[in-house]
């Protein structure tokens, strides 16, 4: 295996790539509603041609600089780097680095022209998320983190970094909680019942449509907690690291966060919130 890169090196590449990807999405989006090219988990879970083109852009940009890295992306799954011509070959995973990419997190919002979607790029080293970058497509705000070094917000490429710190509510009754809903009808029905019970014990519920931006809002103290079922690794990797580095506990039902359940709350509030979520039947 080649020498492992440091986090700052990977973060620089993630930020540059996510900026370019977000700029591409803004420029490529037509007026009105975006045409759906395909669906995924159900006929209401859309994919657009711009999703696919954006992930291709991300892979090409990263592979051009780091040809031995591998990828896991929402649109093209687990695969080595893009073809780089006769001299470049294909990635073989020798670097120990895997990029986890969500080209447009919040595709339904993007289709309808709602301003809440993001490019999310994370880098894992030997299976541990080391770097996360989430760029809000509409605003250009950049949320970044390197494991063990905190998480930050930069509102424009030339603005100062602001360190993020989550804020714990005094109790569940004062908590503003974000959630989302699966596109599989049977799972959605179960979630709806659990959220209805949760709503009785918290300040209010928000459903924004972008898990990555929900994690970042939690890191910035704009939300108090988060719960969702059905998330994939690319939904969790970048934003989850931003949240954890701001003092948020990110967990699953009985271990790490996974498709079954993702729970997130500031550390002082985490156990109370997690108990409440379990009691509500998620």
C-alpha atoms as a PDB file:
ATOM      1  CA  UNK A   1       0.000   0.000   0.000  1.00  0.00           C
ATOM      2  CA  UNK A   2       1.210   3.489  -0.778  1.00  0.00           C
ATOM      3  CA  UNK A   3       1.724   6.076   1.976  1.00  0.00           C
ATOM      4  CA  UNK A   4      -1.569   7.374   3.321  1.00  0.00           C
ATOM      5  CA  UNK A   5      -2.359  11.049   2.685  1.00  0.00           C
ATOM      6  CA  UNK A   6      -3.105  13.399   5.549  1.00  0.00           C
ATOM      7  CA  UNK A   7      -6.584  14.738   6.135  1.00  0.00           C
ATOM      8  CA  UNK A   8      -5.849  18.270   4.966  1.00  0.00           C
ATOM      9  CA  UNK A   9      -4.653  16.984   1.603  1.00  0.00           C
ATOM     10  CA  UNK A  10      -7.848  15.004   1.117  1.00  0.00           C
ATOM     11  CA  UNK A  11     -10.001  17.874   2.361  1.00  0.00           C
ATOM     12  CA  UNK A  12      -8.471  20.289  -0.133  1.00  0.00           C
ATOM     13  CA  UNK A  13      -9.350  17.953  -2.987  1.00  0.00           C
ATOM     14  CA  UNK A  14     -12.856  17.328  -1.611  1.00  0.00           C
ATOM     15  CA  UNK A  15     -13.582  21.050  -1.285  1.00  0.00           C
ATOM     16  CA  UNK A  16     -12.300  21.945  -4.742  1.00  0.00           C
ATOM     17  CA  UNK A  17     -14.252  19.102  -6.290  1.00  0.00           C
ATOM     18  CA  UNK A  18     -17.474  19.828  -4.392  1.00  0.00           C
ATOM     19  CA  UNK A  19     -17.301  23.513  -5.362  1.00  0.00           C
ATOM     20  CA  UNK A  20     -16.951  22.594  -9.025  1.00  0.00           C
ATOM     21  CA  UNK A  21     -19.746  20.035  -8.771  1.00  0.00           C
ATOM     22  CA  UNK A  22     -22.126  22.499  -7.092  1.00  0.00           C
ATOM     23  CA  UNK A  23     -21.326  25.113  -9.743  1.00  0.00           C
ATOM     24  CA  UNK A  24     -22.030  22.554 -12.455  1.00  0.00           C
ATOM     25  CA  UNK A  25     -25.395  21.655 -10.908  1.00  0.00           C
ATOM     26  CA  UNK A  26     -26.417  25.317 -10.692  1.00  0.00           C
ATOM     27  CA  UNK A  27     -25.452  25.934 -14.316  1.00  0.00           C
ATOM     28  CA  UNK A  28     -26.981  22.712 -15.655  1.00  0.00           C
ATOM     29  CA  UNK A  29     -30.365  23.052 -13.990  1.00  0.00           C
ATOM     30  CA  UNK A  30     -33.023  24.162 -16.507  1.00  0.00           C
ATOM     31  CA  UNK A  31     -35.918  26.451 -15.744  1.00  0.00           C
ATOM     32  CA  UNK A  32     -38.972  24.820 -14.247  1.00  0.00           C
ATOM     33  CA  UNK A  33     -39.172  21.241 -13.069  1.00  0.00           C
ATOM     34  CA  UNK A  34     -36.264  18.924 -13.860  1.00  0.00           C
ATOM     35  CA  UNK A  35     -37.030  15.829 -15.916  1.00  0.00           C
ATOM     36  CA  UNK A  36     -36.672  12.533 -14.060  1.00  0.00           C
ATOM     37  CA  UNK A  37     -34.435  10.058 -15.892  1.00  0.00           C
ATOM     38  CA  UNK A  38     -35.072   6.999 -13.712  1.00  0.00           C
ATOM     39  CA  UNK A  39     -36.202   5.885 -10.254  1.00  0.00           C
ATOM     40  CA  UNK A  40     -34.507   3.868  -7.499  1.00  0.00           C
ATOM     41  CA  UNK A  41     -36.180   2.338  -4.452  1.00  0.00           C
ATOM     42  CA  UNK A  42     -39.705   3.148  -5.661  1.00  0.00           C
ATOM     43  CA  UNK A  43     -41.405   5.035  -8.482  1.00  0.00           C
ATOM     44  CA  UNK A  44     -41.352   8.204  -6.348  1.00  0.00           C
ATOM     45  CA  UNK A  45     -37.564   8.075  -5.673  1.00  0.00           C
ATOM     46  CA  UNK A  46     -36.092   9.974  -8.636  1.00  0.00           C
ATOM     47  CA  UNK A  47     -32.766  10.143 -10.456  1.00  0.00           C
ATOM     48  CA  UNK A  48     -31.965  12.902 -12.950  1.00  0.00           C
ATOM     49  CA  UNK A  49     -29.394  13.047 -15.724  1.00  0.00           C
ATOM     50  CA  UNK A  50     -27.747  15.873 -13.765  1.00  0.00           C
ATOM     51  CA  UNK A  51     -27.281  13.576 -10.742  1.00  0.00           C
ATOM     52  CA  UNK A  52     -25.402  11.131 -12.948  1.00  0.00           C
ATOM     53  CA  UNK A  53     -23.354  13.762 -14.733  1.00  0.00           C
ATOM     54  CA  UNK A  54     -22.397  15.356 -11.417  1.00  0.00           C
ATOM     55  CA  UNK A  55     -21.180  12.101  -9.919  1.00  0.00           C
ATOM     56  CA  UNK A  56     -19.201  11.433 -13.092  1.00  0.00           C
ATOM     57  CA  UNK A  57     -17.597  14.873 -12.749  1.00  0.00           C
ATOM     58  CA  UNK A  58     -16.664  14.189  -9.113  1.00  0.00           C
ATOM     59  CA  UNK A  59     -15.113  10.823  -9.942  1.00  0.00           C
ATOM     60  CA  UNK A  60     -13.162  12.215 -12.881  1.00  0.00           C
ATOM     61  CA  UNK A  61     -11.771  15.173 -10.908  1.00  0.00           C
ATOM     62  CA  UNK A  62     -10.663  13.020  -7.987  1.00  0.00           C
ATOM     63  CA  UNK A  63      -9.319  10.188 -10.128  1.00  0.00           C
ATOM     64  CA  UNK A  64      -7.227  12.653 -12.134  1.00  0.00           C
ATOM     65  CA  UNK A  65      -5.303  13.534  -8.960  1.00  0.00           C
ATOM     66  CA  UNK A  66      -5.565  10.225  -7.086  1.00  0.00           C
ATOM     67  CA  UNK A  67      -5.841   7.402  -9.625  1.00  0.00           C
ATOM     68  CA  UNK A  68      -5.423   4.588  -7.068  1.00  0.00           C
ATOM     69  CA  UNK A  69      -8.400   5.593  -4.925  1.00  0.00           C
ATOM     70  CA  UNK A  70     -11.771   3.852  -5.135  1.00  0.00           C
ATOM     71  CA  UNK A  71     -15.345   5.142  -4.989  1.00  0.00           C
ATOM     72  CA  UNK A  72     -18.774   4.472  -3.551  1.00  0.00           C
ATOM     73  CA  UNK A  73     -21.429   6.719  -5.071  1.00  0.00           C
ATOM     74  CA  UNK A  74     -25.185   6.968  -5.089  1.00  0.00           C
ATOM     75  CA  UNK A  75     -25.526   6.776  -8.851  1.00  0.00           C
ATOM     76  CA  UNK A  76     -22.771   4.343  -9.869  1.00  0.00           C
ATOM     77  CA  UNK A  77     -22.286   2.275  -6.734  1.00  0.00           C
ATOM     78  CA  UNK A  78     -19.001   0.740  -5.655  1.00  0.00           C
ATOM     79  CA  UNK A  79     -16.380   0.965  -8.353  1.00  0.00           C
ATOM     80  CA  UNK A  80     -12.786   1.931  -9.058  1.00  0.00           C
ATOM     81  CA  UNK A  81     -11.836   5.264 -10.564  1.00  0.00           C
ATOM     82  CA  UNK A  82     -12.838   6.378 -14.046  1.00  0.00           C
ATOM     83  CA  UNK A  83     -10.824   5.252 -17.024  1.00  0.00           C
ATOM     84  CA  UNK A  84      -7.873   7.611 -17.345  1.00  0.00           C
ATOM     85  CA  UNK A  85      -6.498   6.548 -20.692  1.00  0.00           C
ATOM     86  CA  UNK A  86      -3.673   4.204 -21.595  1.00  0.00           C
ATOM     87  CA  UNK A  87      -1.265   5.557 -18.988  1.00  0.00           C
ATOM     88  CA  UNK A  88      -3.731   6.008 -16.151  1.00  0.00           C
ATOM     89  CA  UNK A  89      -5.348   2.584 -16.014  1.00  0.00           C
ATOM     90  CA  UNK A  90      -7.914   1.905 -13.316  1.00  0.00           C
ATOM     91  CA  UNK A  91      -7.753   2.197  -9.567  1.00  0.00           C
ATOM     92  CA  UNK A  92      -6.875  -0.972  -7.676  1.00  0.00           C
ATOM     93  CA  UNK A  93      -7.502   0.288  -4.136  1.00  0.00           C
ATOM     94  CA  UNK A  94      -3.803   0.260  -3.264  1.00  0.00           C
ATOM     95  CA  UNK A  95      -4.035   3.721  -1.698  1.00  0.00           C
ATOM     96  CA  UNK A  96      -6.424   2.641   1.093  1.00  0.00           C
ATOM     97  CA  UNK A  97      -8.643   5.649   0.304  1.00  0.00           C
ATOM     98  CA  UNK A  98     -12.280   5.369  -0.745  1.00  0.00           C
ATOM     99  CA  UNK A  99     -14.423   8.370  -1.697  1.00  0.00           C
ATOM    100  CA  UNK A 100     -18.107   8.276  -0.736  1.00  0.00           C
ATOM    101  CA  UNK A 101     -20.133  10.566  -2.986  1.00  0.00           C
ATOM    102  CA  UNK A 102     -23.677  11.880  -3.064  1.00  0.00           C
ATOM    103  CA  UNK A 103     -23.766  14.130  -6.147  1.00  0.00           C
ATOM    104  CA  UNK A 104     -27.096  15.762  -5.293  1.00  0.00           C
ATOM    105  CA  UNK A 105     -28.391  15.040  -1.808  1.00  0.00           C
ATOM    106  CA  UNK A 106     -31.980  16.246  -1.907  1.00  0.00           C
ATOM    107  CA  UNK A 107     -32.862  15.221  -5.453  1.00  0.00           C
ATOM    108  CA  UNK A 108     -36.606  15.660  -4.975  1.00  0.00           C
ATOM    109  CA  UNK A 109     -36.032  19.251  -3.845  1.00  0.00           C
ATOM    110  CA  UNK A 110     -33.771  19.730  -6.868  1.00  0.00           C
ATOM    111  CA  UNK A 111     -36.416  18.354  -9.257  1.00  0.00           C
ATOM    112  CA  UNK A 112     -39.025  20.779  -7.931  1.00  0.00           C
ATOM    113  CA  UNK A 113     -36.720  23.795  -7.687  1.00  0.00           C
ATOM    114  CA  UNK A 114     -36.684  23.933  -3.884  1.00  0.00           C
ATOM    115  CA  UNK A 115     -33.509  25.495  -2.493  1.00  0.00           C
ATOM    116  CA  UNK A 116     -32.285  22.696  -0.235  1.00  0.00           C
ATOM    117  CA  UNK A 117     -29.857  20.282  -1.843  1.00  0.00           C
ATOM    118  CA  UNK A 118     -26.143  19.642  -1.568  1.00  0.00           C
ATOM    119  CA  UNK A 119     -23.066  17.948  -2.970  1.00  0.00           C
ATOM    120  CA  UNK A 120     -21.628  15.639  -0.304  1.00  0.00           C
ATOM    121  CA  UNK A 121     -18.131  14.138  -0.575  1.00  0.00           C
ATOM    122  CA  UNK A 122     -16.343  12.098   2.089  1.00  0.00           C
ATOM    123  CA  UNK A 123     -13.010  10.318   2.088  1.00  0.00           C
ATOM    124  CA  UNK A 124     -12.453   7.123   4.060  1.00  0.00           C
ATOM    125  CA  UNK A 125      -9.034   5.798   4.977  1.00  0.00           C
ATOM    126  CA  UNK A 126      -9.081   2.053   5.627  1.00  0.00           C
ATOM    127  CA  UNK A 127     -12.821   2.222   6.276  1.00  0.00           C
ATOM    128  CA  UNK A 128     -12.793   5.204   8.679  1.00  0.00           C
ATOM    129  CA  UNK A 129     -14.329   8.478   7.488  1.00  0.00           C
ATOM    130  CA  UNK A 130     -11.454  10.930   7.626  1.00  0.00           C
ATOM    131  CA  UNK A 131     -12.778  13.930   5.699  1.00  0.00           C
ATOM    132  CA  UNK A 132     -16.216  15.328   4.947  1.00  0.00           C
ATOM    133  CA  UNK A 133     -17.338  18.193   2.736  1.00  0.00           C
ATOM    134  CA  UNK A 134     -20.921  19.285   2.122  1.00  0.00           C
ATOM    135  CA  UNK A 135     -21.609  22.204  -0.212  1.00  0.00           C
ATOM    136  CA  UNK A 136     -25.084  23.747  -0.242  1.00  0.00           C
ATOM    137  CA  UNK A 137     -25.858  24.047  -3.956  1.00  0.00           C
ATOM    138  CA  UNK A 138     -28.111  27.096  -3.668  1.00  0.00           C
ATOM    139  CA  UNK A 139     -26.015  29.185  -1.270  1.00  0.00           C
ATOM    140  CA  UNK A 140     -22.496  27.862  -1.840  1.00  0.00           C
ATOM    141  CA  UNK A 141     -22.010  27.453   1.908  1.00  0.00           C
ATOM    142  CA  UNK A 142     -19.299  24.886   2.635  1.00  0.00           C
ATOM    143  CA  UNK A 143     -19.385  22.604   5.667  1.00  0.00           C
ATOM    144  CA  UNK A 144     -16.133  20.720   6.227  1.00  0.00           C
ATOM    145  CA  UNK A 145     -14.495  18.440   8.757  1.00  0.00           C
ATOM    146  CA  UNK A 146     -11.338  16.423   9.254  1.00  0.00           C
ATOM    147  CA  UNK A 147     -11.550  13.672  11.873  1.00  0.00           C
ATOM    148  CA  UNK A 148     -10.244  14.924  15.213  1.00  0.00           C
ATOM    149  CA  UNK A 149      -9.906  18.535  14.036  1.00  0.00           C
ATOM    150  CA  UNK A 150     -13.408  19.984  14.385  1.00  0.00           C
ATOM    151  CA  UNK A 151     -15.929  21.061  11.789  1.00  0.00           C
ATOM    152  CA  UNK A 152     -16.287  24.400  10.055  1.00  0.00           C
ATOM    153  CA  UNK A 153     -18.539  26.575   7.926  1.00  0.00           C
ATOM    154  CA  UNK A 154     -17.254  28.802   5.143  1.00  0.00           C
ATOM    155  CA  UNK A 155     -19.983  30.919   3.559  1.00  0.00           C
ATOM    156  CA  UNK A 156     -17.940  31.797   0.448  1.00  0.00           C
ATOM    157  CA  UNK A 157     -14.577  30.655  -0.945  1.00  0.00           C
ATOM    158  CA  UNK A 158     -12.907  33.889   0.197  1.00  0.00           C
ATOM    159  CA  UNK A 159     -14.590  34.150   3.616  1.00  0.00           C
ATOM    160  CA  UNK A 160     -13.242  33.066   7.001  1.00  0.00           C
ATOM    161  CA  UNK A 161     -13.855  29.655   8.487  1.00  0.00           C
ATOM    162  CA  UNK A 162     -16.262  29.569  11.438  1.00  0.00           C
ATOM    163  CA  UNK A 163     -15.945  26.636  13.817  1.00  0.00           C
ATOM    164  CA  UNK A 164     -19.212  24.792  14.421  1.00  0.00           C
ATOM    165  CA  UNK A 165     -20.548  23.683  17.781  1.00  0.00           C
ATOM    166  CA  UNK A 166     -23.832  21.896  18.325  1.00  0.00           C
ATOM    167  CA  UNK A 167     -26.257  23.158  20.964  1.00  0.00           C
ATOM    168  CA  UNK A 168     -28.173  20.811  23.267  1.00  0.00           C
ATOM    169  CA  UNK A 169     -31.766  21.735  24.169  1.00  0.00           C
ATOM    170  CA  UNK A 170     -32.716  21.764  27.867  1.00  0.00           C
ATOM    171  CA  UNK A 171     -35.132  18.867  27.313  1.00  0.00           C
ATOM    172  CA  UNK A 172     -36.913  16.904  24.614  1.00  0.00           C
ATOM    173  CA  UNK A 173     -39.922  19.202  24.882  1.00  0.00           C
ATOM    174  CA  UNK A 174     -37.731  22.061  23.614  1.00  0.00           C
ATOM    175  CA  UNK A 175     -36.107  20.064  20.788  1.00  0.00           C
ATOM    176  CA  UNK A 176     -36.516  20.907  17.115  1.00  0.00           C
ATOM    177  CA  UNK A 177     -36.064  17.548  15.405  1.00  0.00           C
ATOM    178  CA  UNK A 178     -35.345  16.837  11.742  1.00  0.00           C
ATOM    179  CA  UNK A 179     -36.431  13.660  10.016  1.00  0.00           C
ATOM    180  CA  UNK A 180     -37.107  12.195   6.596  1.00  0.00           C
ATOM    181  CA  UNK A 181     -39.263   9.539   5.024  1.00  0.00           C
ATOM    182  CA  UNK A 182     -38.408   6.435   3.052  1.00  0.00           C
ATOM    183  CA  UNK A 183     -39.793   6.025  -0.468  1.00  0.00           C
ATOM    184  CA  UNK A 184     -40.909   2.425   0.154  1.00  0.00           C
ATOM    185  CA  UNK A 185     -44.602   2.673   1.176  1.00  0.00           C
ATOM    186  CA  UNK A 186     -44.476   0.032   3.933  1.00  0.00           C
ATOM    187  CA  UNK A 187     -41.447   1.638   5.574  1.00  0.00           C
ATOM    188  CA  UNK A 188     -42.983   5.094   5.216  1.00  0.00           C
ATOM    189  CA  UNK A 189     -46.149   3.994   7.001  1.00  0.00           C
ATOM    190  CA  UNK A 190     -44.076   2.734   9.933  1.00  0.00           C
ATOM    191  CA  UNK A 191     -42.098   5.973  10.036  1.00  0.00           C
ATOM    192  CA  UNK A 192     -45.201   8.132   9.893  1.00  0.00           C
ATOM    193  CA  UNK A 193     -46.663   6.400  12.940  1.00  0.00           C
ATOM    194  CA  UNK A 194     -43.403   6.775  14.885  1.00  0.00           C
ATOM    195  CA  UNK A 195     -43.043  10.458  13.964  1.00  0.00           C
ATOM    196  CA  UNK A 196     -46.641  11.113  15.011  1.00  0.00           C
ATOM    197  CA  UNK A 197     -45.795   9.755  18.477  1.00  0.00           C
ATOM    198  CA  UNK A 198     -42.527  11.693  18.597  1.00  0.00           C
ATOM    199  CA  UNK A 199     -44.291  14.941  17.723  1.00  0.00           C
ATOM    200  CA  UNK A 200     -46.180  14.807  21.025  1.00  0.00           C
ATOM    201  CA  UNK A 201     -42.936  15.043  23.034  1.00  0.00           C
ATOM    202  CA  UNK A 202     -40.792  17.559  21.115  1.00  0.00           C
ATOM    203  CA  UNK A 203     -41.008  21.213  20.153  1.00  0.00           C
ATOM    204  CA  UNK A 204     -41.595  20.473  16.458  1.00  0.00           C
ATOM    205  CA  UNK A 205     -40.524  18.397  13.456  1.00  0.00           C
ATOM    206  CA  UNK A 206     -38.741  19.534  10.300  1.00  0.00           C
ATOM    207  CA  UNK A 207     -38.472  17.557   7.074  1.00  0.00           C
ATOM    208  CA  UNK A 208     -36.065  19.416   4.770  1.00  0.00           C
ATOM    209  CA  UNK A 209     -35.263  16.688   2.240  1.00  0.00           C
ATOM    210  CA  UNK A 210     -31.461  16.604   2.535  1.00  0.00           C
ATOM    211  CA  UNK A 211     -29.847  14.401   5.161  1.00  0.00           C
ATOM    212  CA  UNK A 212     -26.419  15.925   4.543  1.00  0.00           C
ATOM    213  CA  UNK A 213     -27.686  19.439   5.202  1.00  0.00           C
ATOM    214  CA  UNK A 214     -29.647  18.248   8.249  1.00  0.00           C
ATOM    215  CA  UNK A 215     -26.423  16.885   9.766  1.00  0.00           C
ATOM    216  CA  UNK A 216     -24.720  20.210   9.043  1.00  0.00           C
ATOM    217  CA  UNK A 217     -27.605  22.199  10.533  1.00  0.00           C
ATOM    218  CA  UNK A 218     -27.346  20.066  13.667  1.00  0.00           C
ATOM    219  CA  UNK A 219     -23.611  20.790  13.801  1.00  0.00           C
ATOM    220  CA  UNK A 220     -24.317  24.516  13.495  1.00  0.00           C
ATOM    221  CA  UNK A 221     -26.924  24.553  16.279  1.00  0.00           C
ATOM    222  CA  UNK A 222     -29.807  25.140  13.852  1.00  0.00           C
ATOM    223  CA  UNK A 223     -31.454  21.846  14.828  1.00  0.00           C
ATOM    224  CA  UNK A 224     -31.506  19.930  18.107  1.00  0.00           C
ATOM    225  CA  UNK A 225     -31.722  16.326  16.903  1.00  0.00           C
ATOM    226  CA  UNK A 226     -32.236  14.088  13.891  1.00  0.00           C
ATOM    227  CA  UNK A 227     -33.741  10.663  13.230  1.00  0.00           C
ATOM    228  CA  UNK A 228     -34.276   8.833   9.948  1.00  0.00           C
ATOM    229  CA  UNK A 229     -34.609   5.357   8.494  1.00  0.00           C
ATOM    230  CA  UNK A 230     -33.427   4.221   5.085  1.00  0.00           C
ATOM    231  CA  UNK A 231     -30.215   6.232   4.748  1.00  0.00           C
ATOM    232  CA  UNK A 232     -27.355   4.908   2.618  1.00  0.00           C
ATOM    233  CA  UNK A 233     -23.635   5.363   3.362  1.00  0.00           C
ATOM    234  CA  UNK A 234     -23.396   8.352   1.001  1.00  0.00           C
ATOM    235  CA  UNK A 235     -26.216  10.067   2.923  1.00  0.00           C
ATOM    236  CA  UNK A 236     -24.329   9.713   6.204  1.00  0.00           C
ATOM    237  CA  UNK A 237     -20.583   9.871   5.517  1.00  0.00           C
ATOM    238  CA  UNK A 238     -19.770  13.547   4.895  1.00  0.00           C
ATOM    239  CA  UNK A 239     -22.519  15.205   6.930  1.00  0.00           C
ATOM    240  CA  UNK A 240     -22.175  12.673   9.722  1.00  0.00           C
ATOM    241  CA  UNK A 241     -18.512  13.563  10.196  1.00  0.00           C
ATOM    242  CA  UNK A 242     -19.334  17.295  10.204  1.00  0.00           C
ATOM    243  CA  UNK A 243     -21.905  16.620  12.934  1.00  0.00           C
ATOM    244  CA  UNK A 244     -19.633  14.406  15.042  1.00  0.00           C
ATOM    245  CA  UNK A 245     -16.806  16.918  14.923  1.00  0.00           C
ATOM    246  CA  UNK A 246     -19.234  19.533  16.299  1.00  0.00           C
ATOM    247  CA  UNK A 247     -20.074  17.431  19.355  1.00  0.00           C
ATOM    248  CA  UNK A 248     -22.962  15.392  17.972  1.00  0.00           C
ATOM    249  CA  UNK A 249     -23.415  11.699  18.746  1.00  0.00           C
ATOM    250  CA  UNK A 250     -24.347   9.856  15.536  1.00  0.00           C
ATOM    251  CA  UNK A 251     -25.528   6.288  16.095  1.00  0.00           C
ATOM    252  CA  UNK A 252     -27.805   3.499  14.946  1.00  0.00           C
ATOM    253  CA  UNK A 253     -30.382   1.494  16.861  1.00  0.00           C
ATOM    254  CA  UNK A 254     -27.834  -0.825  18.467  1.00  0.00           C
ATOM    255  CA  UNK A 255     -24.494   0.289  17.038  1.00  0.00           C
ATOM    256  CA  UNK A 256     -23.193   2.405  14.159  1.00  0.00           C
ATOM    257  CA  UNK A 257     -25.674   4.356  12.001  1.00  0.00           C
ATOM    258  CA  UNK A 258     -27.061   2.319   9.138  1.00  0.00           C
ATOM    259  CA  UNK A 259     -30.042   1.893   6.851  1.00  0.00           C
ATOM    260  CA  UNK A 260     -32.177   0.590   9.704  1.00  0.00           C
ATOM    261  CA  UNK A 261     -31.874   3.791  11.738  1.00  0.00           C
ATOM    262  CA  UNK A 262     -29.784   6.932  12.155  1.00  0.00           C
ATOM    263  CA  UNK A 263     -29.979   8.909  15.393  1.00  0.00           C
ATOM    264  CA  UNK A 264     -28.107  12.146  15.993  1.00  0.00           C
ATOM    265  CA  UNK A 265     -28.123  14.638  18.853  1.00  0.00           C
ATOM    266  CA  UNK A 266     -25.649  16.808  20.776  1.00  0.00           C
ATOM    267  CA  UNK A 267     -23.809  14.700  23.346  1.00  0.00           C
ATOM    268  CA  UNK A 268     -25.544  16.152  26.473  1.00  0.00           C
ATOM    269  CA  UNK A 269     -28.966  15.404  24.955  1.00  0.00           C
ATOM    270  CA  UNK A 270     -28.170  12.216  23.063  1.00  0.00           C
ATOM    271  CA  UNK A 271     -29.230   9.538  25.550  1.00  0.00           C
ATOM    272  CA  UNK A 272     -32.516  11.274  26.381  1.00  0.00           C
ATOM    273  CA  UNK A 273     -33.329  11.646  22.694  1.00  0.00           C
ATOM    274  CA  UNK A 274     -32.297   8.104  21.832  1.00  0.00           C
ATOM    275  CA  UNK A 275     -34.533   6.696  24.581  1.00  0.00           C
ATOM    276  CA  UNK A 276     -37.452   8.759  23.277  1.00  0.00           C
ATOM    277  CA  UNK A 277     -36.928   7.577  19.702  1.00  0.00           C
ATOM    278  CA  UNK A 278     -36.901   3.939  20.798  1.00  0.00           C
ATOM    279  CA  UNK A 279     -40.046   4.482  22.859  1.00  0.00           C
ATOM    280  CA  UNK A 280     -41.786   5.936  19.806  1.00  0.00           C
ATOM    281  CA  UNK A 281     -41.161   2.722  17.878  1.00  0.00           C
ATOM    282  CA  UNK A 282     -38.761   3.778  15.125  1.00  0.00           C
END
